[in-house]
Amino acid sequence: MLPLRISRVAAVTYMKPTSARKVVPCYDEPEYKAIWNVTIIHPSGTTAIANAKELKVSE
């Protein structure tokens, strides 16, 4: 029997009140809120998980 080859990739952030400035140029202060538009492209048969409402799905 061949061994299963499963690879997993994850990108996780935990940006404390002023840590976003280390990732992207921005006003990184708690009183300045920003709206982010994010597109996730992943292979079919895989699952993408986020903590926001899904707006659109396309194949």
PDB file of N, CA and C in Angstrom:
ATOM      1  N   MET A   1       0.840  -1.175   0.000  1.00  0.00           N
ATOM      2  CA  MET A   1       0.000   0.000   0.000  1.00  0.00           C
ATOM      3  C   MET A   1       0.890   1.245   0.000  1.00  0.00           C
ATOM      4  N   LEU A   2       0.580   2.195  -0.867  1.00  0.00           N
ATOM      5  CA  LEU A   2       1.344   3.431  -0.932  1.00  0.00           C
ATOM      6  C   LEU A   2       0.924   4.371   0.193  1.00  0.00           C
ATOM      7  N   PRO A   3       1.886   5.089   0.771  1.00  0.00           N
ATOM      8  CA  PRO A   3       1.518   6.041   1.826  1.00  0.00           C
ATOM      9  C   PRO A   3       0.754   7.225   1.229  1.00  0.00           C
ATOM     10  N   LEU A   4      -0.169   7.760   2.000  1.00  0.00           N
ATOM     11  CA  LEU A   4      -0.908   8.945   1.577  1.00  0.00           C
ATOM     12  C   LEU A   4       0.003  10.161   1.630  1.00  0.00           C
ATOM     13  N   ARG A   5      -0.068  10.970   0.613  1.00  0.00           N
ATOM     14  CA  ARG A   5       0.711  12.209   0.609  1.00  0.00           C
ATOM     15  C   ARG A   5      -0.272  13.373   0.673  1.00  0.00           C
ATOM     16  N   ILE A   6      -0.422  13.904   1.838  1.00  0.00           N
ATOM     17  CA  ILE A   6      -1.348  15.004   2.055  1.00  0.00           C
ATOM     18  C   ILE A   6      -0.530  16.239   2.415  1.00  0.00           C
ATOM     19  N   SER A   7      -0.710  17.290   1.661  1.00  0.00           N
ATOM     20  CA  SER A   7      -0.037  18.537   2.021  1.00  0.00           C
ATOM     21  C   SER A   7      -1.096  19.567   2.388  1.00  0.00           C
ATOM     22  N   ARG A   8      -0.784  20.361   3.364  1.00  0.00           N
ATOM     23  CA  ARG A   8      -1.710  21.393   3.822  1.00  0.00           C
ATOM     24  C   ARG A   8      -0.955  22.707   3.915  1.00  0.00           C
ATOM     25  N   VAL A   9      -1.613  23.754   3.520  1.00  0.00           N
ATOM     26  CA  VAL A   9      -1.028  25.083   3.600  1.00  0.00           C
ATOM     27  C   VAL A   9      -2.027  25.977   4.313  1.00  0.00           C
ATOM     28  N   ALA A  10      -1.540  26.804   5.201  1.00  0.00           N
ATOM     29  CA  ALA A  10      -2.421  27.729   5.907  1.00  0.00           C
ATOM     30  C   ALA A  10      -1.752  29.091   6.005  1.00  0.00           C
ATOM     31  N   ALA A  11      -2.536  30.123   5.885  1.00  0.00           N
ATOM     32  CA  ALA A  11      -2.070  31.488   6.106  1.00  0.00           C
ATOM     33  C   ALA A  11      -2.965  32.078   7.187  1.00  0.00           C
ATOM     34  N   VAL A  12      -2.384  32.397   8.305  1.00  0.00           N
ATOM     35  CA  VAL A  12      -3.152  32.855   9.455  1.00  0.00           C
ATOM     36  C   VAL A  12      -2.534  34.150   9.968  1.00  0.00           C
ATOM     37  N   THR A  13      -3.365  35.090  10.356  1.00  0.00           N
ATOM     38  CA  THR A  13      -2.851  36.320  10.955  1.00  0.00           C
ATOM     39  C   THR A  13      -3.538  36.562  12.290  1.00  0.00           C
ATOM     40  N   TYR A  14      -2.823  37.196  13.155  1.00  0.00           N
ATOM     41  CA  TYR A  14      -3.386  37.696  14.405  1.00  0.00           C
ATOM     42  C   TYR A  14      -2.724  39.050  14.616  1.00  0.00           C
ATOM     43  N   MET A  15      -3.291  40.054  13.981  1.00  0.00           N
ATOM     44  CA  MET A  15      -2.676  41.373  14.031  1.00  0.00           C
ATOM     45  C   MET A  15      -3.195  42.132  15.230  1.00  0.00           C
ATOM     46  N   LYS A  16      -2.322  42.298  16.171  1.00  0.00           N
ATOM     47  CA  LYS A  16      -2.663  43.083  17.349  1.00  0.00           C
ATOM     48  C   LYS A  16      -2.882  44.528  16.912  1.00  0.00           C
ATOM     49  N   PRO A  17      -3.307  45.406  17.801  1.00  0.00           N
ATOM     50  CA  PRO A  17      -3.717  46.748  17.389  1.00  0.00           C
ATOM     51  C   PRO A  17      -2.787  47.500  16.435  1.00  0.00           C
ATOM     52  N   THR A  18      -1.491  47.289  16.502  1.00  0.00           N
ATOM     53  CA  THR A  18      -0.607  48.037  15.596  1.00  0.00           C
ATOM     54  C   THR A  18       0.367  47.133  14.846  1.00  0.00           C
ATOM     55  N   SER A  19      -0.017  45.923  14.524  1.00  0.00           N
ATOM     56  CA  SER A  19       0.881  44.998  13.812  1.00  0.00           C
ATOM     57  C   SER A  19       0.656  44.961  12.308  1.00  0.00           C
ATOM     58  N   ALA A  20      -0.454  45.471  11.808  1.00  0.00           N
ATOM     59  CA  ALA A  20      -0.735  45.418  10.371  1.00  0.00           C
ATOM     60  C   ALA A  20       0.309  46.186   9.577  1.00  0.00           C
ATOM     61  N   ARG A  21       0.891  47.220  10.146  1.00  0.00           N
ATOM     62  CA  ARG A  21       1.898  48.017   9.432  1.00  0.00           C
ATOM     63  C   ARG A  21       3.129  47.197   9.063  1.00  0.00           C
ATOM     64  N   LYS A  22       3.307  46.045   9.684  1.00  0.00           N
ATOM     65  CA  LYS A  22       4.426  45.162   9.328  1.00  0.00           C
ATOM     66  C   LYS A  22       4.120  44.338   8.083  1.00  0.00           C
ATOM     67  N   VAL A  23       2.842  44.290   7.680  1.00  0.00           N
ATOM     68  CA  VAL A  23       2.412  43.474   6.544  1.00  0.00           C
ATOM     69  C   VAL A  23       2.090  44.331   5.328  1.00  0.00           C
ATOM     70  N   VAL A  24       1.330  45.392   5.507  1.00  0.00           N
ATOM     71  CA  VAL A  24       0.911  46.263   4.404  1.00  0.00           C
ATOM     72  C   VAL A  24       1.053  47.725   4.826  1.00  0.00           C
ATOM     73  N   PRO A  25       1.310  48.608   3.864  1.00  0.00           N
ATOM     74  CA  PRO A  25       1.339  50.030   4.224  1.00  0.00           C
ATOM     75  C   PRO A  25      -0.075  50.506   4.561  1.00  0.00           C
ATOM     76  N   CYS A  26      -0.264  51.045   5.744  1.00  0.00           N
ATOM     77  CA  CYS A  26      -1.605  51.455   6.154  1.00  0.00           C
ATOM     78  C   CYS A  26      -1.539  52.361   7.372  1.00  0.00           C
ATOM     79  N   TYR A  27      -2.666  53.026   7.672  1.00  0.00           N
ATOM     80  CA  TYR A  27      -2.822  53.723   8.938  1.00  0.00           C
ATOM     81  C   TYR A  27      -3.191  52.648   9.945  1.00  0.00           C
ATOM     82  N   ASP A  28      -2.258  52.264  10.748  1.00  0.00           N
ATOM     83  CA  ASP A  28      -2.437  51.114  11.628  1.00  0.00           C
ATOM     84  C   ASP A  28      -2.746  51.554  13.051  1.00  0.00           C
ATOM     85  N   GLU A  29      -3.892  52.140  13.223  1.00  0.00           N
ATOM     86  CA  GLU A  29      -4.350  52.561  14.533  1.00  0.00           C
ATOM     87  C   GLU A  29      -5.765  52.038  14.722  1.00  0.00           C
ATOM     88  N   PRO A  30      -6.103  51.563  15.918  1.00  0.00           N
ATOM     89  CA  PRO A  30      -7.425  50.967  16.147  1.00  0.00           C
ATOM     90  C   PRO A  30      -8.607  51.860  15.765  1.00  0.00           C
ATOM     91  N   GLU A  31      -8.459  53.182  15.873  1.00  0.00           N
ATOM     92  CA  GLU A  31      -9.597  54.051  15.546  1.00  0.00           C
ATOM     93  C   GLU A  31      -9.813  54.233  14.042  1.00  0.00           C
ATOM     94  N   TYR A  32      -8.858  53.805  13.216  1.00  0.00           N
ATOM     95  CA  TYR A  32      -9.009  53.884  11.761  1.00  0.00           C
ATOM     96  C   TYR A  32      -9.327  52.497  11.220  1.00  0.00           C
ATOM     97  N   LYS A  33     -10.563  52.278  10.858  1.00  0.00           N
ATOM     98  CA  LYS A  33     -10.979  50.978  10.325  1.00  0.00           C
ATOM     99  C   LYS A  33     -10.918  51.007   8.807  1.00  0.00           C
ATOM    100  N   ALA A  34     -10.555  49.902   8.209  1.00  0.00           N
ATOM    101  CA  ALA A  34     -10.442  49.817   6.751  1.00  0.00           C
ATOM    102  C   ALA A  34     -11.311  48.681   6.227  1.00  0.00           C
ATOM    103  N   ILE A  35     -11.715  48.802   4.975  1.00  0.00           N
ATOM    104  CA  ILE A  35     -12.446  47.733   4.294  1.00  0.00           C
ATOM    105  C   ILE A  35     -11.466  47.050   3.356  1.00  0.00           C
ATOM    106  N   TRP A  36     -11.368  45.745   3.470  1.00  0.00           N
ATOM    107  CA  TRP A  36     -10.450  44.967   2.636  1.00  0.00           C
ATOM    108  C   TRP A  36     -11.246  44.152   1.634  1.00  0.00           C
ATOM    109  N   ASN A  37     -10.800  44.154   0.402  1.00  0.00           N
ATOM    110  CA  ASN A  37     -11.352  43.277  -0.626  1.00  0.00           C
ATOM    111  C   ASN A  37     -10.313  42.201  -0.883  1.00  0.00           C
ATOM    112  N   VAL A  38     -10.665  40.967  -0.617  1.00  0.00           N
ATOM    113  CA  VAL A  38      -9.724  39.856  -0.732  1.00  0.00           C
ATOM    114  C   VAL A  38     -10.272  38.837  -1.716  1.00  0.00           C
ATOM    115  N   THR A  39      -9.420  38.370  -2.606  1.00  0.00           N
ATOM    116  CA  THR A  39      -9.774  37.307  -3.535  1.00  0.00           C
ATOM    117  C   THR A  39      -8.933  36.088  -3.194  1.00  0.00           C
ATOM    118  N   ILE A  40      -9.586  34.961  -3.003  1.00  0.00           N
ATOM    119  CA  ILE A  40      -8.879  33.713  -2.707  1.00  0.00           C
ATOM    120  C   ILE A  40      -9.025  32.800  -3.911  1.00  0.00           C
ATOM    121  N   ILE A  41      -7.901  32.409  -4.470  1.00  0.00           N
ATOM    122  CA  ILE A  41      -7.890  31.482  -5.601  1.00  0.00           C
ATOM    123  C   ILE A  41      -7.260  30.186  -5.109  1.00  0.00           C
ATOM    124  N   HIS A  42      -7.993  29.090  -5.262  1.00  0.00           N
ATOM    125  CA  HIS A  42      -7.468  27.810  -4.793  1.00  0.00           C
ATOM    126  C   HIS A  42      -7.932  26.703  -5.725  1.00  0.00           C
ATOM    127  N   PRO A  43      -7.208  25.595  -5.752  1.00  0.00           N
ATOM    128  CA  PRO A  43      -7.565  24.488  -6.651  1.00  0.00           C
ATOM    129  C   PRO A  43      -8.910  23.871  -6.284  1.00  0.00           C
ATOM    130  N   SER A  44      -9.629  23.391  -7.294  1.00  0.00           N
ATOM    131  CA  SER A  44     -10.881  22.692  -7.002  1.00  0.00           C
ATOM    132  C   SER A  44     -10.555  21.447  -6.188  1.00  0.00           C
ATOM    133  N   GLY A  45     -11.458  21.085  -5.318  1.00  0.00           N
ATOM    134  CA  GLY A  45     -11.209  19.953  -4.432  1.00  0.00           C
ATOM    135  C   GLY A  45     -10.566  20.368  -3.121  1.00  0.00           C
ATOM    136  N   THR A  46     -10.232  21.663  -2.988  1.00  0.00           N
ATOM    137  CA  THR A  46      -9.685  22.166  -1.732  1.00  0.00           C
ATOM    138  C   THR A  46     -10.696  23.123  -1.115  1.00  0.00           C
ATOM    139  N   THR A  47     -10.493  23.468   0.132  1.00  0.00           N
ATOM    140  CA  THR A  47     -11.416  24.333   0.848  1.00  0.00           C
ATOM    141  C   THR A  47     -10.705  25.596   1.295  1.00  0.00           C
ATOM    142  N   ALA A  48     -11.309  26.734   1.042  1.00  0.00           N
ATOM    143  CA  ALA A  48     -10.804  28.015   1.538  1.00  0.00           C
ATOM    144  C   ALA A  48     -11.722  28.465   2.666  1.00  0.00           C
ATOM    145  N   ILE A  49     -11.143  28.871   3.768  1.00  0.00           N
ATOM    146  CA  ILE A  49     -11.919  29.273   4.941  1.00  0.00           C
ATOM    147  C   ILE A  49     -11.522  30.695   5.323  1.00  0.00           C
ATOM    148  N   ALA A  50     -12.502  31.526   5.620  1.00  0.00           N
ATOM    149  CA  ALA A  50     -12.248  32.899   6.053  1.00  0.00           C
ATOM    150  C   ALA A  50     -13.242  33.263   7.145  1.00  0.00           C
ATOM    151  N   ASN A  51     -13.016  34.397   7.788  1.00  0.00           N
ATOM    152  CA  ASN A  51     -13.920  34.807   8.862  1.00  0.00           C
ATOM    153  C   ASN A  51     -14.864  35.924   8.415  1.00  0.00           C
ATOM    154  N   ALA A  52     -15.160  35.965   7.131  1.00  0.00           N
ATOM    155  CA  ALA A  52     -16.081  36.969   6.597  1.00  0.00           C
ATOM    156  C   ALA A  52     -17.101  36.296   5.687  1.00  0.00           C
ATOM    157  N   LYS A  53     -18.152  37.023   5.371  1.00  0.00           N
ATOM    158  CA  LYS A  53     -19.204  36.485   4.518  1.00  0.00           C
ATOM    159  C   LYS A  53     -18.689  36.305   3.088  1.00  0.00           C
ATOM    160  N   GLU A  54     -19.029  35.184   2.493  1.00  0.00           N
ATOM    161  CA  GLU A  54     -18.678  34.905   1.101  1.00  0.00           C
ATOM    162  C   GLU A  54     -19.579  35.740   0.202  1.00  0.00           C
ATOM    163  N   LEU A  55     -18.982  36.535  -0.679  1.00  0.00           N
ATOM    164  CA  LEU A  55     -19.773  37.400  -1.549  1.00  0.00           C
ATOM    165  C   LEU A  55     -20.016  36.805  -2.923  1.00  0.00           C
ATOM    166  N   LYS A  56     -19.059  36.047  -3.434  1.00  0.00           N
ATOM    167  CA  LYS A  56     -19.175  35.537  -4.795  1.00  0.00           C
ATOM    168  C   LYS A  56     -18.329  34.279  -4.947  1.00  0.00           C
ATOM    169  N   VAL A  57     -18.847  33.322  -5.712  1.00  0.00           N
ATOM    170  CA  VAL A  57     -18.111  32.098  -6.021  1.00  0.00           C
ATOM    171  C   VAL A  57     -18.076  31.952  -7.530  1.00  0.00           C
ATOM    172  N   SER A  58     -16.910  31.664  -8.075  1.00  0.00           N
ATOM    173  CA  SER A  58     -16.806  31.415  -9.517  1.00  0.00           C
ATOM    174  C   SER A  58     -15.821  30.282  -9.749  1.00  0.00           C
ATOM    175  N   GLU A  59     -15.980  29.640 -10.882  1.00  0.00           N
ATOM    176  CA  GLU A  59     -15.084  28.521 -11.207  1.00  0.00           C
ATOM    177  C   GLU A  59     -14.328  28.804 -12.476  1.00  0.00           C
TER     178      GLU A  59
END
